[in-house]
N, C-alpha and C. Protein backbone atom coordinates (compact mmCIF):
# COMPACT_ATOMS: atom_id res chain seq x y z
N MET A 1 -126.31 -25.68 35.83
CA MET A 1 -125.35 -25.92 34.77
C MET A 1 -123.93 -25.84 35.33
N ALA A 2 -123.09 -26.79 34.96
CA ALA A 2 -121.73 -26.84 35.49
C ALA A 2 -120.87 -25.76 34.86
N HIS A 3 -120.04 -25.17 35.69
CA HIS A 3 -119.11 -24.16 35.20
C HIS A 3 -117.92 -24.84 34.54
N SER A 4 -117.40 -24.24 33.49
CA SER A 4 -116.18 -24.71 32.87
C SER A 4 -115.00 -24.26 33.71
N LEU A 5 -114.15 -25.19 34.10
CA LEU A 5 -113.00 -24.85 34.92
C LEU A 5 -111.89 -24.28 34.05
N ARG A 6 -111.25 -23.22 34.55
CA ARG A 6 -110.17 -22.57 33.82
C ARG A 6 -109.00 -22.30 34.75
N ALA A 7 -107.82 -22.61 34.24
CA ALA A 7 -106.59 -22.30 34.96
C ALA A 7 -105.74 -21.38 34.09
N LEU A 8 -105.12 -20.42 34.72
CA LEU A 8 -104.17 -19.55 34.04
C LEU A 8 -102.77 -19.99 34.45
N VAL A 9 -101.95 -20.32 33.47
CA VAL A 9 -100.56 -20.74 33.73
C VAL A 9 -99.64 -19.63 33.22
N ILE A 10 -98.82 -19.11 34.12
CA ILE A 10 -97.86 -18.07 33.78
C ILE A 10 -96.49 -18.73 33.76
N GLU A 11 -95.97 -18.90 32.56
CA GLU A 11 -94.72 -19.65 32.36
C GLU A 11 -94.13 -19.22 31.02
N GLU A 12 -92.82 -19.04 30.96
CA GLU A 12 -92.20 -18.61 29.72
C GLU A 12 -91.70 -19.75 28.84
N ASP A 13 -91.58 -20.95 29.37
CA ASP A 13 -91.05 -22.08 28.61
C ASP A 13 -92.19 -22.78 27.85
N PRO A 14 -92.16 -22.74 26.51
CA PRO A 14 -93.25 -23.35 25.73
C PRO A 14 -93.40 -24.85 25.97
N ASN A 15 -92.31 -25.54 26.27
CA ASN A 15 -92.39 -26.97 26.54
C ASN A 15 -93.15 -27.25 27.83
N ILE A 16 -92.91 -26.44 28.85
CA ILE A 16 -93.62 -26.60 30.12
C ILE A 16 -95.09 -26.23 29.93
N LEU A 17 -95.35 -25.18 29.15
CA LEU A 17 -96.74 -24.81 28.87
C LEU A 17 -97.49 -25.94 28.17
N SER A 18 -96.83 -26.58 27.23
CA SER A 18 -97.46 -27.69 26.51
C SER A 18 -97.77 -28.84 27.47
N ALA A 19 -96.84 -29.14 28.35
CA ALA A 19 -97.05 -30.21 29.34
C ALA A 19 -98.20 -29.85 30.28
N PHE A 20 -98.26 -28.59 30.72
CA PHE A 20 -99.36 -28.16 31.58
C PHE A 20 -100.69 -28.25 30.85
N ASN A 21 -100.71 -27.90 29.58
CA ASN A 21 -101.94 -27.95 28.81
C ASN A 21 -102.50 -29.38 28.80
N GLU A 22 -101.65 -30.35 28.53
CA GLU A 22 -102.08 -31.74 28.52
C GLU A 22 -102.51 -32.19 29.92
N PHE A 23 -101.70 -31.82 30.89
CA PHE A 23 -101.97 -32.18 32.29
C PHE A 23 -103.33 -31.64 32.73
N LEU A 24 -103.61 -30.36 32.46
CA LEU A 24 -104.87 -29.75 32.88
C LEU A 24 -106.06 -30.28 32.09
N ARG A 25 -105.85 -30.56 30.82
CA ARG A 25 -106.91 -31.14 30.00
C ARG A 25 -107.35 -32.48 30.60
N ASN A 26 -106.39 -33.26 31.09
CA ASN A 26 -106.72 -34.53 31.74
C ASN A 26 -107.49 -34.33 33.05
N GLU A 27 -107.42 -33.13 33.60
CA GLU A 27 -108.17 -32.79 34.81
C GLU A 27 -109.48 -32.05 34.47
N ASN A 28 -109.85 -32.09 33.18
CA ASN A 28 -111.06 -31.41 32.69
C ASN A 28 -111.04 -29.92 32.98
N CYS A 29 -109.89 -29.32 32.75
CA CYS A 29 -109.70 -27.91 33.02
C CYS A 29 -109.09 -27.24 31.80
N GLU A 30 -109.71 -26.17 31.36
CA GLU A 30 -109.18 -25.40 30.23
C GLU A 30 -107.98 -24.57 30.70
N MET A 31 -106.93 -24.55 29.92
CA MET A 31 -105.75 -23.77 30.28
C MET A 31 -105.65 -22.52 29.42
N LEU A 32 -105.45 -21.40 30.07
CA LEU A 32 -105.07 -20.16 29.41
C LEU A 32 -103.63 -19.92 29.81
N SER A 33 -102.84 -19.33 28.93
CA SER A 33 -101.42 -19.17 29.25
C SER A 33 -100.95 -17.75 28.99
N ALA A 34 -99.92 -17.40 29.74
CA ALA A 34 -99.28 -16.10 29.58
C ALA A 34 -97.79 -16.29 29.79
N PHE A 35 -96.99 -15.63 28.94
CA PHE A 35 -95.54 -15.69 29.06
C PHE A 35 -95.00 -14.68 30.07
N ASN A 36 -95.84 -13.72 30.45
CA ASN A 36 -95.41 -12.72 31.43
C ASN A 36 -96.63 -12.21 32.20
N THR A 37 -96.38 -11.44 33.23
CA THR A 37 -97.48 -10.99 34.10
C THR A 37 -98.35 -9.93 33.42
N GLN A 38 -97.80 -9.15 32.51
CA GLN A 38 -98.61 -8.16 31.80
C GLN A 38 -99.70 -8.87 30.99
N LYS A 39 -99.33 -9.90 30.26
CA LYS A 39 -100.31 -10.69 29.50
C LYS A 39 -101.29 -11.37 30.45
N ALA A 40 -100.80 -11.85 31.58
CA ALA A 40 -101.68 -12.50 32.56
C ALA A 40 -102.75 -11.53 33.05
N LEU A 41 -102.36 -10.30 33.34
CA LEU A 41 -103.32 -9.31 33.80
C LEU A 41 -104.38 -9.01 32.74
N GLN A 42 -103.97 -8.97 31.47
CA GLN A 42 -104.93 -8.76 30.39
C GLN A 42 -105.96 -9.89 30.34
N ILE A 43 -105.49 -11.10 30.50
CA ILE A 43 -106.39 -12.26 30.49
C ILE A 43 -107.36 -12.19 31.66
N LEU A 44 -106.84 -11.82 32.81
CA LEU A 44 -107.65 -11.82 34.03
C LEU A 44 -108.74 -10.76 34.03
N LEU A 45 -108.58 -9.69 33.24
CA LEU A 45 -109.57 -8.62 33.21
C LEU A 45 -110.95 -9.10 32.79
N GLY A 46 -111.00 -10.03 31.84
CA GLY A 46 -112.30 -10.42 31.33
C GLY A 46 -112.61 -11.90 31.43
N THR A 47 -111.89 -12.63 32.25
CA THR A 47 -112.05 -14.07 32.27
C THR A 47 -112.17 -14.59 33.69
N GLU A 48 -113.12 -15.49 33.89
CA GLU A 48 -113.23 -16.16 35.19
C GLU A 48 -112.15 -17.25 35.25
N ILE A 49 -111.36 -17.19 36.29
CA ILE A 49 -110.27 -18.15 36.49
C ILE A 49 -110.52 -18.86 37.81
N HIS A 50 -110.26 -20.17 37.83
CA HIS A 50 -110.44 -20.97 39.04
C HIS A 50 -109.12 -21.33 39.72
N LEU A 51 -108.02 -21.15 38.99
CA LEU A 51 -106.70 -21.52 39.52
C LEU A 51 -105.64 -20.75 38.74
N VAL A 52 -104.61 -20.30 39.45
CA VAL A 52 -103.44 -19.70 38.81
C VAL A 52 -102.24 -20.56 39.17
N ILE A 53 -101.47 -20.91 38.15
CA ILE A 53 -100.19 -21.60 38.35
C ILE A 53 -99.14 -20.65 37.80
N ALA A 54 -98.26 -20.17 38.68
CA ALA A 54 -97.33 -19.11 38.28
C ALA A 54 -95.89 -19.49 38.56
N ASP A 55 -95.07 -19.42 37.53
CA ASP A 55 -93.62 -19.52 37.70
C ASP A 55 -93.17 -18.16 38.23
N VAL A 56 -92.45 -18.14 39.32
CA VAL A 56 -92.06 -16.86 39.92
C VAL A 56 -90.90 -16.19 39.17
N ASN A 57 -90.36 -16.85 38.18
CA ASN A 57 -89.23 -16.30 37.44
C ASN A 57 -89.62 -15.87 36.03
N VAL A 58 -90.74 -15.17 35.90
CA VAL A 58 -91.18 -14.68 34.60
C VAL A 58 -90.42 -13.41 34.24
N PRO A 59 -90.32 -13.08 32.94
CA PRO A 59 -89.43 -12.01 32.50
C PRO A 59 -89.71 -10.60 33.00
N ASP A 60 -90.96 -10.17 33.10
CA ASP A 60 -91.23 -8.75 33.28
C ASP A 60 -91.45 -8.29 34.72
N GLU A 61 -91.65 -9.18 35.64
CA GLU A 61 -91.95 -8.78 37.01
C GLU A 61 -91.70 -9.98 37.91
N ALA A 62 -91.31 -9.74 39.11
CA ALA A 62 -91.19 -10.85 40.05
C ALA A 62 -92.55 -11.50 40.20
N GLY A 63 -92.60 -12.80 40.01
CA GLY A 63 -93.86 -13.52 40.09
C GLY A 63 -94.55 -13.36 41.43
N LEU A 64 -93.77 -13.20 42.49
CA LEU A 64 -94.38 -13.05 43.81
C LEU A 64 -95.12 -11.72 43.93
N SER A 65 -94.62 -10.68 43.28
CA SER A 65 -95.34 -9.40 43.27
C SER A 65 -96.68 -9.55 42.57
N PHE A 66 -96.68 -10.28 41.47
CA PHE A 66 -97.93 -10.54 40.76
C PHE A 66 -98.90 -11.30 41.66
N CYS A 67 -98.39 -12.30 42.37
CA CYS A 67 -99.25 -13.10 43.26
C CYS A 67 -99.91 -12.22 44.31
N GLN A 68 -99.14 -11.31 44.90
CA GLN A 68 -99.71 -10.41 45.91
C GLN A 68 -100.81 -9.54 45.31
N THR A 69 -100.54 -8.97 44.14
CA THR A 69 -101.53 -8.11 43.48
C THR A 69 -102.78 -8.90 43.13
N PHE A 70 -102.58 -10.08 42.56
CA PHE A 70 -103.71 -10.92 42.17
C PHE A 70 -104.53 -11.34 43.38
N LYS A 71 -103.87 -11.74 44.45
CA LYS A 71 -104.56 -12.23 45.64
C LYS A 71 -105.44 -11.14 46.26
N HIS A 72 -105.00 -9.88 46.17
CA HIS A 72 -105.82 -8.79 46.69
C HIS A 72 -107.11 -8.61 45.88
N SER A 73 -107.02 -8.84 44.57
CA SER A 73 -108.20 -8.63 43.73
C SER A 73 -109.13 -9.86 43.69
N ARG A 74 -108.56 -11.04 43.84
CA ARG A 74 -109.37 -12.27 43.79
C ARG A 74 -108.90 -13.25 44.88
N PRO A 75 -109.22 -12.95 46.12
CA PRO A 75 -108.69 -13.75 47.23
C PRO A 75 -109.18 -15.19 47.26
N HIS A 76 -110.28 -15.50 46.60
CA HIS A 76 -110.82 -16.85 46.61
C HIS A 76 -110.15 -17.78 45.60
N VAL A 77 -109.36 -17.25 44.69
CA VAL A 77 -108.73 -18.07 43.65
C VAL A 77 -107.36 -18.56 44.15
N PRO A 78 -107.18 -19.88 44.22
CA PRO A 78 -105.90 -20.40 44.69
C PRO A 78 -104.78 -20.17 43.68
N ILE A 79 -103.57 -20.04 44.22
CA ILE A 79 -102.37 -19.86 43.40
C ILE A 79 -101.38 -20.97 43.75
N ILE A 80 -100.91 -21.65 42.72
CA ILE A 80 -99.81 -22.61 42.89
C ILE A 80 -98.57 -21.95 42.31
N VAL A 81 -97.55 -21.80 43.12
CA VAL A 81 -96.29 -21.19 42.68
C VAL A 81 -95.30 -22.29 42.36
N ILE A 82 -94.61 -22.13 41.22
CA ILE A 82 -93.53 -23.04 40.86
C ILE A 82 -92.25 -22.23 40.68
N SER A 83 -91.11 -22.86 41.00
CA SER A 83 -89.85 -22.14 40.95
C SER A 83 -88.69 -23.12 40.86
N HIS A 84 -87.55 -22.63 40.39
CA HIS A 84 -86.32 -23.42 40.43
C HIS A 84 -85.69 -23.36 41.81
N ASP A 85 -86.14 -22.43 42.62
CA ASP A 85 -85.57 -22.18 43.94
C ASP A 85 -86.14 -23.16 44.95
N SER A 86 -85.29 -23.98 45.54
CA SER A 86 -85.79 -25.00 46.46
C SER A 86 -85.42 -24.74 47.92
N HIS A 87 -84.79 -23.61 48.23
CA HIS A 87 -84.45 -23.36 49.63
C HIS A 87 -85.72 -23.04 50.42
N GLY A 88 -85.71 -23.36 51.71
CA GLY A 88 -86.89 -23.23 52.56
C GLY A 88 -87.49 -21.84 52.58
N GLY A 89 -86.68 -20.81 52.49
CA GLY A 89 -87.20 -19.45 52.53
C GLY A 89 -88.05 -19.10 51.33
N ALA A 90 -87.80 -19.73 50.20
CA ALA A 90 -88.57 -19.44 48.98
C ALA A 90 -90.03 -19.83 49.15
N GLU A 91 -90.27 -20.97 49.76
CA GLU A 91 -91.66 -21.39 49.99
C GLU A 91 -92.35 -20.44 50.97
N ASP A 92 -91.66 -20.03 52.01
CA ASP A 92 -92.24 -19.08 52.97
C ASP A 92 -92.61 -17.76 52.29
N GLU A 93 -91.72 -17.26 51.43
CA GLU A 93 -92.00 -16.03 50.69
C GLU A 93 -93.23 -16.19 49.80
N ALA A 94 -93.31 -17.33 49.13
CA ALA A 94 -94.45 -17.58 48.23
C ALA A 94 -95.76 -17.62 49.01
N ARG A 95 -95.75 -18.25 50.15
CA ARG A 95 -96.97 -18.34 50.96
C ARG A 95 -97.37 -16.96 51.49
N ARG A 96 -96.40 -16.14 51.87
CA ARG A 96 -96.70 -14.77 52.31
C ARG A 96 -97.29 -13.95 51.16
N ALA A 97 -96.90 -14.27 49.94
CA ALA A 97 -97.41 -13.55 48.77
C ALA A 97 -98.79 -14.04 48.34
N GLY A 98 -99.29 -15.10 48.98
CA GLY A 98 -100.63 -15.58 48.67
C GLY A 98 -100.72 -16.95 48.06
N ALA A 99 -99.59 -17.64 47.91
CA ALA A 99 -99.61 -18.97 47.30
C ALA A 99 -100.30 -19.98 48.20
N SER A 100 -101.14 -20.80 47.60
CA SER A 100 -101.78 -21.91 48.32
C SER A 100 -100.84 -23.10 48.39
N GLN A 101 -100.06 -23.28 47.33
CA GLN A 101 -99.12 -24.39 47.23
C GLN A 101 -97.83 -23.90 46.60
N TYR A 102 -96.73 -24.59 46.88
CA TYR A 102 -95.42 -24.24 46.32
C TYR A 102 -94.74 -25.51 45.85
N PHE A 103 -94.20 -25.46 44.64
CA PHE A 103 -93.46 -26.59 44.09
C PHE A 103 -92.16 -26.09 43.47
N SER A 104 -91.09 -26.80 43.73
CA SER A 104 -89.83 -26.47 43.07
C SER A 104 -89.65 -27.43 41.90
N LYS A 105 -88.97 -26.92 40.87
CA LYS A 105 -88.67 -27.73 39.68
C LYS A 105 -87.43 -28.57 39.97
N PRO A 106 -87.36 -29.76 39.46
CA PRO A 106 -88.35 -30.45 38.62
C PRO A 106 -89.60 -30.80 39.43
N LEU A 107 -90.73 -30.73 38.77
CA LEU A 107 -92.01 -30.92 39.43
C LEU A 107 -92.30 -32.40 39.69
N GLU A 108 -92.86 -32.69 40.86
CA GLU A 108 -93.34 -34.03 41.19
C GLU A 108 -94.79 -34.10 40.73
N LEU A 109 -95.04 -34.83 39.65
CA LEU A 109 -96.35 -34.78 39.00
C LEU A 109 -97.49 -35.30 39.87
N ASP A 110 -97.26 -36.36 40.65
CA ASP A 110 -98.34 -36.87 41.50
C ASP A 110 -98.74 -35.84 42.55
N ALA A 111 -97.76 -35.22 43.18
CA ALA A 111 -98.05 -34.19 44.19
C ALA A 111 -98.72 -32.98 43.54
N LEU A 112 -98.26 -32.60 42.35
CA LEU A 112 -98.86 -31.47 41.64
C LEU A 112 -100.31 -31.78 41.26
N ARG A 113 -100.57 -32.99 40.79
CA ARG A 113 -101.93 -33.39 40.41
C ARG A 113 -102.87 -33.29 41.62
N LYS A 114 -102.42 -33.76 42.77
CA LYS A 114 -103.24 -33.67 43.98
C LYS A 114 -103.50 -32.21 44.36
N ALA A 115 -102.48 -31.39 44.25
CA ALA A 115 -102.62 -29.97 44.60
C ALA A 115 -103.59 -29.27 43.64
N VAL A 116 -103.49 -29.56 42.35
CA VAL A 116 -104.39 -28.97 41.36
C VAL A 116 -105.83 -29.36 41.66
N ARG A 117 -106.06 -30.64 41.92
CA ARG A 117 -107.42 -31.10 42.22
C ARG A 117 -107.96 -30.42 43.47
N LYS A 118 -107.13 -30.34 44.50
CA LYS A 118 -107.54 -29.71 45.75
C LYS A 118 -107.88 -28.23 45.53
N CYS A 119 -107.01 -27.53 44.80
CA CYS A 119 -107.23 -26.10 44.55
C CYS A 119 -108.47 -25.86 43.70
N LEU A 120 -108.68 -26.67 42.67
CA LEU A 120 -109.86 -26.51 41.82
C LEU A 120 -111.13 -26.78 42.62
N HIS A 121 -111.10 -27.79 43.45
CA HIS A 121 -112.26 -28.11 44.28
C HIS A 121 -112.56 -26.95 45.24
N ARG A 122 -111.51 -26.43 45.87
CA ARG A 122 -111.68 -25.32 46.80
C ARG A 122 -112.22 -24.08 46.08
N SER A 123 -111.67 -23.80 44.91
CA SER A 123 -112.08 -22.63 44.15
C SER A 123 -113.54 -22.72 43.72
N THR A 124 -113.95 -23.89 43.23
CA THR A 124 -115.34 -24.04 42.78
C THR A 124 -116.29 -24.09 43.96
N SER A 125 -115.87 -24.63 45.09
CA SER A 125 -116.72 -24.65 46.29
C SER A 125 -116.97 -23.24 46.79
N VAL A 126 -115.92 -22.43 46.83
CA VAL A 126 -116.06 -21.04 47.27
C VAL A 126 -116.91 -20.27 46.28
N GLY A 127 -116.66 -20.50 44.97
CA GLY A 127 -117.44 -19.81 43.94
C GLY A 127 -118.92 -20.15 44.02
N SER A 128 -119.25 -21.43 44.30
CA SER A 128 -120.64 -21.84 44.42
C SER A 128 -121.30 -21.19 45.63
N ALA A 129 -120.54 -21.06 46.70
CA ALA A 129 -121.08 -20.45 47.92
C ALA A 129 -121.35 -18.97 47.72
N ARG A 130 -120.58 -18.33 46.81
CA ARG A 130 -120.75 -16.89 46.56
C ARG A 130 -121.90 -16.61 45.60
N ASP A 131 -122.31 -17.59 44.79
CA ASP A 131 -123.38 -17.37 43.79
C ASP A 131 -124.72 -17.14 44.44
């Protein structure tokens, strides 16, 4: 039986969340959302997630700290980090925190779509190997 794909999107802007919801639905992926990392952690306690998309500028905690914490608990789940920060050091910091991919806003949708597909495929392949 096929697993239902789920992505957790951590983003405070409702318009961006709505766009991600449509975008992920087109990729046959259910979206769960959180406006902050505290809510994200609550969701993660009882839910299988195949992908995390995290804005690093969420209100309650540096998104990169969340990525590090999450990566330690679920190393097989890819993380796509998004940010307004486009300087080269920001991507390096995100990758050190566990990000599989990094995108600066405004987002390039074709590149993001390819990254989402790649991450979901990787996540489900690793999950299948662990079963």
